Amino acid sequence: MSDYVELSQLTKSYPSPKGESLIVKNFDLRIKKGEFITLIGHSGCGKSTVLSMLAGLSSITDGGIILAGKELSGAGPDRGVVFQSPSLLPWFTALENVMLGVNQVFYTASKEERREIAEYYLSVVGLADSMHKKPAALSQGMRQRVGIARAFALKPKMLLLDEPFGMLDTLTRYELQQVLIDLWSRNNITALMVTHDVDEALFLSDRVVCMTDGPAAEVGEILEVTFPRPRDRKAVMEHPDYYKLRGQLIEFLEVRAHRQPVAPVNPAVSVEAEKFRKALLNLV
């Protein structure tokens, strides 16, 4: 299967008083159609920066991104984004919030067809009885369900998730992880999710992409996750490879993520350095 998403030599820097501040450097990643990829690393390493560039919400300093054979430039409805906070319009109901995007993307469909799309996805995420409530009447977990429904309702080519469960309690987070993975399975959508949670990454992913620490963060290692699908949390945690993979991720984060690449030695410089060392020895 050919690559569906290609991130090539992706680089992001910002101007600073001391010159350019390099956040991400030469980030390379290839994703197959229908894959679920998680991006993991320490806070501030540039995970969300990579996702933001892929979403078209942040400019690319260097490199490029191809999605479904087309080079990306700016944001677009071909990418559905779920943020840590869903940022719903407070004066609209859950249904009306989802309808905003549906009306823009499926403008040639009838009003009834557009409404059916929004209602379907709200029902699938468990909000059939709450879709006419405004955000103030919904819990944080319910609001995030609206955000997930809104992203899937656009029927994008790719789903991007930026720590969508980071603000939720453990039980709600587990429930929504299952909602997400079930909905993803039904739609066979390509997904990239940023997370700091090792267990979440293992439960959801086909591959976990580990980022090195910044500045100039890059892909450190890629871990294949081969648990069978569809996935059940209990079965995943009882799988004989679970704690081995978990240990590999934790070891990367605790040890290998901090290692900076060693600059290649210039032979000519080495010769001069050795001459200088010998000269100093002769002086002693």
C-alpha atoms as a PDB file:
ATOM      1  CA  MET A   1       0.000   0.000   0.000  1.00  0.00           C
ATOM      2  CA  SER A   2       1.384   3.409  -0.962  1.00  0.00           C
ATOM      3  CA  ASP A   3       1.831   6.225   1.542  1.00  0.00           C
ATOM      4  CA  TYR A   4      -1.314   8.287   2.077  1.00  0.00           C
ATOM      5  CA  VAL A   5       0.305  11.015   4.156  1.00  0.00           C
ATOM      6  CA  GLU A   6       3.904  12.151   3.740  1.00  0.00           C
ATOM      7  CA  LEU A   7       5.648  14.555   6.093  1.00  0.00           C
ATOM      8  CA  SER A   8       9.022  15.306   4.510  1.00  0.00           C
ATOM      9  CA  GLN A   9      11.865  17.159   6.250  1.00  0.00           C
ATOM     10  CA  LEU A  10       9.260  19.150   8.170  1.00  0.00           C
ATOM     11  CA  THR A  11      10.925  22.037  10.009  1.00  0.00           C
ATOM     12  CA  LYS A  12       9.527  24.797  12.192  1.00  0.00           C
ATOM     13  CA  SER A  13      11.411  27.729  13.665  1.00  0.00           C
ATOM     14  CA  TYR A  14      10.465  31.051  15.231  1.00  0.00           C
ATOM     15  CA  PRO A  15      12.439  34.294  15.367  1.00  0.00           C
ATOM     16  CA  SER A  16      13.933  35.081  18.771  1.00  0.00           C
ATOM     17  CA  PRO A  17      16.238  37.783  20.197  1.00  0.00           C
ATOM     18  CA  LYS A  18      19.156  35.374  19.760  1.00  0.00           C
ATOM     19  CA  GLY A  19      18.220  34.409  16.196  1.00  0.00           C
ATOM     20  CA  GLU A  20      16.048  31.587  14.911  1.00  0.00           C
ATOM     21  CA  SER A  21      14.622  29.278  17.574  1.00  0.00           C
ATOM     22  CA  LEU A  22      14.382  25.792  16.042  1.00  0.00           C
ATOM     23  CA  ILE A  23      11.425  23.787  17.396  1.00  0.00           C
ATOM     24  CA  VAL A  24      11.150  20.840  14.990  1.00  0.00           C
ATOM     25  CA  LYS A  25      13.858  19.801  12.549  1.00  0.00           C
ATOM     26  CA  ASN A  26      13.682  17.458   9.532  1.00  0.00           C
ATOM     27  CA  PHE A  27      10.640  15.581  10.827  1.00  0.00           C
ATOM     28  CA  ASP A  28       9.977  12.623   8.487  1.00  0.00           C
ATOM     29  CA  LEU A  29       6.918  10.368   8.687  1.00  0.00           C
ATOM     30  CA  ARG A  30       4.923   8.234   6.255  1.00  0.00           C
ATOM     31  CA  ILE A  31       1.373   7.114   7.095  1.00  0.00           C
ATOM     32  CA  LYS A  32      -0.731   4.503   5.304  1.00  0.00           C
ATOM     33  CA  LYS A  33      -4.410   5.059   4.546  1.00  0.00           C
ATOM     34  CA  GLY A  34      -6.536   4.011   7.509  1.00  0.00           C
ATOM     35  CA  GLU A  35      -3.655   3.928  10.009  1.00  0.00           C
ATOM     36  CA  PHE A  36      -3.995   5.279  13.537  1.00  0.00           C
ATOM     37  CA  ILE A  37      -0.724   6.942  14.572  1.00  0.00           C
ATOM     38  CA  THR A  38       0.040   8.506  17.931  1.00  0.00           C
ATOM     39  CA  LEU A  39       2.793  11.026  18.509  1.00  0.00           C
ATOM     40  CA  ILE A  40       4.339  10.923  21.971  1.00  0.00           C
ATOM     41  CA  GLY A  41       7.113  12.842  23.707  1.00  0.00           C
ATOM     42  CA  HIS A  42       7.881  15.174  26.591  1.00  0.00           C
ATOM     43  CA  SER A  43       5.987  18.442  27.037  1.00  0.00           C
ATOM     44  CA  GLY A  44       7.354  21.155  24.792  1.00  0.00           C
ATOM     45  CA  CYS A  45       9.101  18.813  22.359  1.00  0.00           C
ATOM     46  CA  GLY A  46       7.011  19.983  19.397  1.00  0.00           C
ATOM     47  CA  LYS A  47       4.262  17.322  19.144  1.00  0.00           C
ATOM     48  CA  SER A  48       1.457  19.862  18.848  1.00  0.00           C
ATOM     49  CA  THR A  49       3.588  21.955  16.490  1.00  0.00           C
ATOM     50  CA  VAL A  50       3.782  19.031  14.046  1.00  0.00           C
ATOM     51  CA  LEU A  51       0.020  18.481  14.294  1.00  0.00           C
ATOM     52  CA  SER A  52      -0.652  22.202  13.864  1.00  0.00           C
ATOM     53  CA  MET A  53       1.437  22.291  10.669  1.00  0.00           C
ATOM     54  CA  LEU A  54      -0.416  19.232   9.375  1.00  0.00           C
ATOM     55  CA  ALA A  55      -3.736  20.908  10.188  1.00  0.00           C
ATOM     56  CA  GLY A  56      -2.651  24.018   8.290  1.00  0.00           C
ATOM     57  CA  LEU A  57      -2.964  26.167  11.416  1.00  0.00           C
ATOM     58  CA  SER A  58       0.769  26.918  11.613  1.00  0.00           C
ATOM     59  CA  SER A  59       3.066  27.807   8.732  1.00  0.00           C
ATOM     60  CA  ILE A  60       5.857  25.451   7.679  1.00  0.00           C
ATOM     61  CA  THR A  61       9.376  26.876   7.819  1.00  0.00           C
ATOM     62  CA  ASP A  62      10.819  24.167   5.596  1.00  0.00           C
ATOM     63  CA  GLY A  63       9.797  20.826   4.144  1.00  0.00           C
ATOM     64  CA  GLY A  64       6.330  19.808   2.981  1.00  0.00           C
ATOM     65  CA  ILE A  65       3.227  17.699   3.595  1.00  0.00           C
ATOM     66  CA  ILE A  66       1.319  15.579   1.072  1.00  0.00           C
ATOM     67  CA  LEU A  67      -2.152  14.210   1.818  1.00  0.00           C
ATOM     68  CA  ALA A  68      -3.805  11.831  -0.651  1.00  0.00           C
ATOM     69  CA  GLY A  69      -1.402  12.898  -3.413  1.00  0.00           C
ATOM     70  CA  LYS A  70      -1.900  16.640  -2.894  1.00  0.00           C
ATOM     71  CA  GLU A  71       0.540  19.024  -1.242  1.00  0.00           C
ATOM     72  CA  LEU A  72      -1.131  20.854   1.608  1.00  0.00           C
ATOM     73  CA  SER A  73      -1.261  24.602   1.899  1.00  0.00           C
ATOM     74  CA  GLY A  74      -3.318  26.076   4.711  1.00  0.00           C
ATOM     75  CA  ALA A  75      -6.273  24.599   6.578  1.00  0.00           C
ATOM     76  CA  GLY A  76      -9.127  22.768   4.908  1.00  0.00           C
ATOM     77  CA  PRO A  77     -12.154  20.499   5.508  1.00  0.00           C
ATOM     78  CA  ASP A  78     -10.116  17.492   4.338  1.00  0.00           C
ATOM     79  CA  ARG A  79      -8.686  17.467   7.896  1.00  0.00           C
ATOM     80  CA  GLY A  80     -10.932  17.180  10.931  1.00  0.00           C
ATOM     81  CA  VAL A  81      -9.342  18.503  14.119  1.00  0.00           C
ATOM     82  CA  VAL A  82     -10.211  17.675  17.736  1.00  0.00           C
ATOM     83  CA  PHE A  83      -8.547  19.871  20.352  1.00  0.00           C
ATOM     84  CA  GLN A  84      -8.115  19.396  24.091  1.00  0.00           C
ATOM     85  CA  SER A  85     -10.974  21.852  24.539  1.00  0.00           C
ATOM     86  CA  PRO A  86     -13.729  21.574  21.893  1.00  0.00           C
ATOM     87  CA  SER A  87     -14.389  25.367  21.823  1.00  0.00           C
ATOM     88  CA  LEU A  88     -18.113  25.124  21.174  1.00  0.00           C
ATOM     89  CA  LEU A  89     -20.193  28.231  20.498  1.00  0.00           C
ATOM     90  CA  PRO A  90     -22.107  28.701  23.777  1.00  0.00           C
ATOM     91  CA  TRP A  91     -25.251  30.161  22.194  1.00  0.00           C
ATOM     92  CA  PHE A  92     -25.711  27.124  19.909  1.00  0.00           C
ATOM     93  CA  THR A  93     -26.937  23.664  20.832  1.00  0.00           C
ATOM     94  CA  ALA A  94     -24.731  20.606  20.350  1.00  0.00           C
ATOM     95  CA  LEU A  95     -26.571  19.881  17.104  1.00  0.00           C
ATOM     96  CA  GLU A  96     -26.174  23.432  15.843  1.00  0.00           C
ATOM     97  CA  ASN A  97     -22.445  23.364  16.649  1.00  0.00           C
ATOM     98  CA  VAL A  98     -21.988  20.246  14.523  1.00  0.00           C
ATOM     99  CA  MET A  99     -24.238  21.654  11.785  1.00  0.00           C
ATOM    100  CA  LEU A 100     -21.926  24.664  11.339  1.00  0.00           C
ATOM    101  CA  GLY A 101     -19.233  22.574   9.678  1.00  0.00           C
ATOM    102  CA  VAL A 102     -21.662  20.200   7.954  1.00  0.00           C
ATOM    103  CA  ASN A 103     -23.434  23.138   6.268  1.00  0.00           C
ATOM    104  CA  GLN A 104     -20.109  24.437   4.960  1.00  0.00           C
ATOM    105  CA  VAL A 105     -18.802  21.119   3.640  1.00  0.00           C
ATOM    106  CA  PHE A 106     -22.019  19.545   2.326  1.00  0.00           C
ATOM    107  CA  TYR A 107     -23.654  22.705   0.998  1.00  0.00           C
ATOM    108  CA  THR A 108     -25.032  20.891  -2.071  1.00  0.00           C
ATOM    109  CA  ALA A 109     -27.012  18.451   0.105  1.00  0.00           C
ATOM    110  CA  SER A 110     -30.528  19.238   1.249  1.00  0.00           C
ATOM    111  CA  LYS A 111     -31.126  20.751   4.678  1.00  0.00           C
ATOM    112  CA  GLU A 112     -32.657  17.472   5.860  1.00  0.00           C
ATOM    113  CA  GLU A 113     -29.652  15.448   4.626  1.00  0.00           C
ATOM    114  CA  ARG A 114     -27.240  17.769   6.410  1.00  0.00           C
ATOM    115  CA  ARG A 115     -29.248  17.490   9.618  1.00  0.00           C
ATOM    116  CA  GLU A 116     -29.253  13.690   9.355  1.00  0.00           C
ATOM    117  CA  ILE A 117     -25.443  13.657   9.108  1.00  0.00           C
ATOM    118  CA  ALA A 118     -25.071  15.755  12.266  1.00  0.00           C
ATOM    119  CA  GLU A 119     -27.694  13.770  14.185  1.00  0.00           C
ATOM    120  CA  TYR A 120     -26.095  10.466  13.180  1.00  0.00           C
ATOM    121  CA  TYR A 121     -22.653  11.336  14.523  1.00  0.00           C
ATOM    122  CA  LEU A 122     -24.022  12.854  17.714  1.00  0.00           C
ATOM    123  CA  SER A 123     -26.006   9.656  18.275  1.00  0.00           C
ATOM    124  CA  VAL A 124     -22.958   7.467  17.613  1.00  0.00           C
ATOM    125  CA  VAL A 125     -20.927   9.290  20.280  1.00  0.00           C
ATOM    126  CA  GLY A 126     -23.758   8.828  22.790  1.00  0.00           C
ATOM    127  CA  LEU A 127     -25.513  12.200  22.666  1.00  0.00           C
ATOM    128  CA  ALA A 128     -28.830  11.201  21.087  1.00  0.00           C
ATOM    129  CA  ASP A 129     -30.721  12.555  24.097  1.00  0.00           C
ATOM    130  CA  SER A 130     -28.583  15.665  24.589  1.00  0.00           C
ATOM    131  CA  MET A 131     -28.066  17.089  21.114  1.00  0.00           C
ATOM    132  CA  HIS A 132     -30.494  19.961  21.732  1.00  0.00           C
ATOM    133  CA  LYS A 133     -28.691  21.124  24.861  1.00  0.00           C
ATOM    134  CA  LYS A 134     -26.301  24.055  24.880  1.00  0.00           C
ATOM    135  CA  PRO A 135     -22.673  23.574  26.038  1.00  0.00           C
ATOM    136  CA  ALA A 136     -23.347  25.030  29.501  1.00  0.00           C
ATOM    137  CA  ALA A 137     -25.755  22.146  30.156  1.00  0.00           C
ATOM    138  CA  LEU A 138     -23.185  19.509  29.112  1.00  0.00           C
ATOM    139  CA  SER A 139     -20.341  18.001  31.136  1.00  0.00           C
ATOM    140  CA  GLN A 140     -16.749  18.371  29.940  1.00  0.00           C
ATOM    141  CA  GLY A 141     -16.839  14.809  28.624  1.00  0.00           C
ATOM    142  CA  MET A 142     -20.105  15.441  26.755  1.00  0.00           C
ATOM    143  CA  ARG A 143     -18.678  18.600  25.201  1.00  0.00           C
ATOM    144  CA  GLN A 144     -15.693  16.597  23.996  1.00  0.00           C
ATOM    145  CA  ARG A 145     -18.095  14.059  22.467  1.00  0.00           C
ATOM    146  CA  VAL A 146     -19.572  16.967  20.490  1.00  0.00           C
ATOM    147  CA  GLY A 147     -16.063  17.874  19.331  1.00  0.00           C
ATOM    148  CA  ILE A 148     -15.441  14.304  18.161  1.00  0.00           C
ATOM    149  CA  ALA A 149     -18.815  14.153  16.391  1.00  0.00           C
ATOM    150  CA  ARG A 150     -18.124  17.506  14.716  1.00  0.00           C
ATOM    151  CA  ALA A 151     -14.798  16.281  13.318  1.00  0.00           C
ATOM    152  CA  PHE A 152     -16.159  12.969  12.010  1.00  0.00           C
ATOM    153  CA  ALA A 153     -19.292  14.599  10.558  1.00  0.00           C
ATOM    154  CA  LEU A 154     -17.118  16.478   8.046  1.00  0.00           C
ATOM    155  CA  LYS A 155     -16.024  13.074   6.665  1.00  0.00           C
ATOM    156  CA  PRO A 156     -12.424  14.292   6.351  1.00  0.00           C
ATOM    157  CA  LYS A 157      -9.562  12.469   4.682  1.00  0.00           C
ATOM    158  CA  MET A 158      -7.624  12.691   7.922  1.00  0.00           C
ATOM    159  CA  LEU A 159      -8.432  13.093  11.603  1.00  0.00           C
ATOM    160  CA  LEU A 160      -6.077  15.113  13.819  1.00  0.00           C
ATOM    161  CA  LEU A 161      -6.391  14.946  17.605  1.00  0.00           C
ATOM    162  CA  ASP A 162      -4.402  17.148  19.982  1.00  0.00           C
ATOM    163  CA  GLU A 163      -4.541  15.507  23.437  1.00  0.00           C
ATOM    164  CA  PRO A 164      -8.366  15.410  23.258  1.00  0.00           C
ATOM    165  CA  PHE A 165      -8.771  13.594  26.589  1.00  0.00           C
ATOM    166  CA  GLY A 166      -6.136  15.456  28.576  1.00  0.00           C
ATOM    167  CA  MET A 167      -8.656  17.469  30.641  1.00  0.00           C
ATOM    168  CA  LEU A 168     -10.913  14.535  31.526  1.00  0.00           C
ATOM    169  CA  ASP A 169     -11.037  12.277  34.560  1.00  0.00           C
ATOM    170  CA  THR A 170      -9.754   8.716  34.127  1.00  0.00           C
ATOM    171  CA  LEU A 171     -13.138   7.002  33.769  1.00  0.00           C
ATOM    172  CA  THR A 172     -14.422   9.508  31.203  1.00  0.00           C
ATOM    173  CA  ARG A 173     -11.122   9.313  29.328  1.00  0.00           C
ATOM    174  CA  TYR A 174     -11.409   5.527  29.050  1.00  0.00           C
ATOM    175  CA  GLU A 175     -15.003   5.797  27.840  1.00  0.00           C
ATOM    176  CA  LEU A 176     -14.126   8.344  25.161  1.00  0.00           C
ATOM    177  CA  GLN A 177     -11.074   6.403  24.005  1.00  0.00           C
ATOM    178  CA  GLN A 178     -13.425   3.509  23.275  1.00  0.00           C
ATOM    179  CA  VAL A 179     -15.913   5.829  21.534  1.00  0.00           C
ATOM    180  CA  LEU A 180     -13.093   7.218  19.407  1.00  0.00           C
ATOM    181  CA  ILE A 181     -11.613   3.867  18.410  1.00  0.00           C
ATOM    182  CA  ASP A 182     -15.041   2.410  17.577  1.00  0.00           C
ATOM    183  CA  LEU A 183     -15.947   5.423  15.426  1.00  0.00           C
ATOM    184  CA  TRP A 184     -12.535   5.373  13.752  1.00  0.00           C
ATOM    185  CA  SER A 185     -12.958   1.669  12.934  1.00  0.00           C
ATOM    186  CA  ARG A 186     -16.354   2.263  11.320  1.00  0.00           C
ATOM    187  CA  ASN A 187     -15.067   5.078   9.137  1.00  0.00           C
ATOM    188  CA  ASN A 188     -11.634   3.642   8.212  1.00  0.00           C
ATOM    189  CA  ILE A 189     -10.174   7.110   8.558  1.00  0.00           C
ATOM    190  CA  THR A 190      -6.478   7.975   8.743  1.00  0.00           C
ATOM    191  CA  ALA A 191      -5.673   9.480  12.149  1.00  0.00           C
ATOM    192  CA  LEU A 192      -2.780  11.221  13.910  1.00  0.00           C
ATOM    193  CA  MET A 193      -3.129  11.875  17.617  1.00  0.00           C
ATOM    194  CA  VAL A 194      -0.843  13.749  20.001  1.00  0.00           C
ATOM    195  CA  THR A 195      -0.727  12.320  23.515  1.00  0.00           C
ATOM    196  CA  HIS A 196       1.516  12.167  26.574  1.00  0.00           C
ATOM    197  CA  ASP A 197      -0.210   9.021  27.874  1.00  0.00           C
ATOM    198  CA  VAL A 198       1.713   5.790  27.185  1.00  0.00           C
ATOM    199  CA  ASP A 199      -1.282   3.526  27.869  1.00  0.00           C
ATOM    200  CA  GLU A 200      -3.542   5.607  25.642  1.00  0.00           C
ATOM    201  CA  ALA A 201      -1.008   5.411  22.815  1.00  0.00           C
ATOM    202  CA  LEU A 202      -0.759   1.614  23.081  1.00  0.00           C
ATOM    203  CA  PHE A 203      -4.527   1.120  23.235  1.00  0.00           C
ATOM    204  CA  LEU A 204      -5.333   3.265  20.197  1.00  0.00           C
ATOM    205  CA  SER A 205      -2.368   3.010  17.836  1.00  0.00           C
ATOM    206  CA  ASP A 206      -1.082   0.981  14.947  1.00  0.00           C
ATOM    207  CA  ARG A 207       2.249   2.747  15.464  1.00  0.00           C
ATOM    208  CA  VAL A 208       3.601   5.060  18.151  1.00  0.00           C
ATOM    209  CA  VAL A 209       5.996   7.758  16.914  1.00  0.00           C
ATOM    210  CA  CYS A 210       8.380   8.864  19.677  1.00  0.00           C
ATOM    211  CA  MET A 211       9.807  12.385  19.441  1.00  0.00           C
ATOM    212  CA  THR A 212      13.159  13.450  20.827  1.00  0.00           C
ATOM    213  CA  ASP A 213      13.376  16.403  23.184  1.00  0.00           C
ATOM    214  CA  GLY A 214      13.716  19.852  21.714  1.00  0.00           C
ATOM    215  CA  PRO A 215      15.111  22.106  20.577  1.00  0.00           C
ATOM    216  CA  ALA A 216      15.274  20.757  17.020  1.00  0.00           C
ATOM    217  CA  ALA A 217      13.062  17.769  17.911  1.00  0.00           C
ATOM    218  CA  GLU A 218      12.721  14.947  15.406  1.00  0.00           C
ATOM    219  CA  VAL A 219      11.465  11.387  15.092  1.00  0.00           C
ATOM    220  CA  GLY A 220      13.428   9.296  17.576  1.00  0.00           C
ATOM    221  CA  GLU A 221      11.880   5.848  17.277  1.00  0.00           C
ATOM    222  CA  ILE A 222       8.728   4.264  15.860  1.00  0.00           C
ATOM    223  CA  LEU A 223       7.075   1.436  17.762  1.00  0.00           C
ATOM    224  CA  GLU A 224       4.811  -1.066  15.977  1.00  0.00           C
ATOM    225  CA  VAL A 225       1.694  -1.974  17.971  1.00  0.00           C
ATOM    226  CA  THR A 226       0.320  -5.313  16.779  1.00  0.00           C
ATOM    227  CA  PHE A 227      -2.584  -5.943  19.163  1.00  0.00           C
ATOM    228  CA  PRO A 228      -5.512  -7.367  17.172  1.00  0.00           C
ATOM    229  CA  ARG A 229      -8.473  -5.175  16.214  1.00  0.00           C
ATOM    230  CA  PRO A 230     -11.209  -4.512  17.209  1.00  0.00           C
ATOM    231  CA  ARG A 231      -9.655  -3.755  20.565  1.00  0.00           C
ATOM    232  CA  ASP A 232     -10.963  -4.270  24.048  1.00  0.00           C
ATOM    233  CA  ARG A 233      -9.043  -2.600  26.879  1.00  0.00           C
ATOM    234  CA  LYS A 234      -8.981  -5.703  29.084  1.00  0.00           C
ATOM    235  CA  ALA A 235      -7.730  -7.905  26.230  1.00  0.00           C
ATOM    236  CA  VAL A 236      -5.024  -5.376  25.313  1.00  0.00           C
ATOM    237  CA  MET A 237      -3.743  -5.121  28.885  1.00  0.00           C
ATOM    238  CA  GLU A 238      -3.670  -8.912  29.201  1.00  0.00           C
ATOM    239  CA  HIS A 239      -1.774  -9.349  25.928  1.00  0.00           C
ATOM    240  CA  PRO A 240       1.681 -10.905  26.529  1.00  0.00           C
ATOM    241  CA  ASP A 241       3.415  -8.052  24.656  1.00  0.00           C
ATOM    242  CA  TYR A 242       1.656  -5.207  26.469  1.00  0.00           C
ATOM    243  CA  TYR A 243       4.129  -4.582  29.280  1.00  0.00           C
ATOM    244  CA  LYS A 244       7.103  -5.170  27.012  1.00  0.00           C
ATOM    245  CA  LEU A 245       5.909  -2.435  24.635  1.00  0.00           C
ATOM    246  CA  ARG A 246       4.982  -0.200  27.554  1.00  0.00           C
ATOM    247  CA  GLY A 247       8.470  -0.632  28.974  1.00  0.00           C
ATOM    248  CA  GLN A 248      10.048   0.283  25.633  1.00  0.00           C
ATOM    249  CA  LEU A 249       8.035   3.526  25.452  1.00  0.00           C
ATOM    250  CA  ILE A 250       8.849   4.500  29.018  1.00  0.00           C
ATOM    251  CA  GLU A 251      12.543   3.732  28.499  1.00  0.00           C
ATOM    252  CA  PHE A 252      12.579   5.940  25.405  1.00  0.00           C
ATOM    253  CA  LEU A 253      10.938   8.808  27.284  1.00  0.00           C
ATOM    254  CA  GLU A 254      13.206   8.455  30.319  1.00  0.00           C
ATOM    255  CA  VAL A 255      16.493   7.783  28.527  1.00  0.00           C
ATOM    256  CA  ARG A 256      16.719   7.933  24.762  1.00  0.00           C
ATOM    257  CA  ALA A 257      14.493  10.975  24.203  1.00  0.00           C
ATOM    258  CA  HIS A 258      17.119  13.171  25.882  1.00  0.00           C
ATOM    259  CA  ARG A 259      20.012  12.094  23.709  1.00  0.00           C
ATOM    260  CA  GLN A 260      21.108  14.628  21.142  1.00  0.00           C
ATOM    261  CA  PRO A 261      22.667  13.430  17.864  1.00  0.00           C
ATOM    262  CA  VAL A 262      26.455  13.450  17.966  1.00  0.00           C
ATOM    263  CA  ALA A 263      27.936  15.720  15.310  1.00  0.00           C
ATOM    264  CA  PRO A 264      30.124  13.877  12.789  1.00  0.00           C
ATOM    265  CA  VAL A 265      33.842  14.384  13.341  1.00  0.00           C
ATOM    266  CA  ASN A 266      35.712  16.212  10.643  1.00  0.00           C
ATOM    267  CA  PRO A 267      38.914  14.179   9.982  1.00  0.00           C
ATOM    268  CA  ALA A 268      40.947  17.289   9.135  1.00  0.00           C
ATOM    269  CA  VAL A 269      39.943  18.918  12.415  1.00  0.00           C
ATOM    270  CA  SER A 270      40.796  15.693  14.285  1.00  0.00           C
ATOM    271  CA  VAL A 271      44.333  15.696  12.854  1.00  0.00           C
ATOM    272  CA  GLU A 272      44.904  19.299  13.921  1.00  0.00           C
ATOM    273  CA  ALA A 273      43.463  18.575  17.362  1.00  0.00           C
ATOM    274  CA  GLU A 274      45.845  15.617  17.804  1.00  0.00           C
ATOM    275  CA  LYS A 275      48.842  17.763  16.782  1.00  0.00           C
ATOM    276  CA  PHE A 276      47.786  20.386  19.302  1.00  0.00           C
ATOM    277  CA  ARG A 277      47.391  17.739  22.033  1.00  0.00           C
ATOM    278  CA  LYS A 278      50.902  16.373  21.386  1.00  0.00           C
ATOM    279  CA  ALA A 279      52.380  19.875  21.403  1.00  0.00           C
ATOM    280  CA  LEU A 280      50.806  20.530  24.808  1.00  0.00           C
ATOM    281  CA  LEU A 281      52.236  17.245  26.142  1.00  0.00           C
ATOM    282  CA  ASN A 282      55.716  18.265  24.991  1.00  0.00           C
ATOM    283  CA  LEU A 283      55.392  21.498  26.970  1.00  0.00           C
ATOM    284  CA  VAL A 284      54.600  19.692  30.197  1.00  0.00           C
END
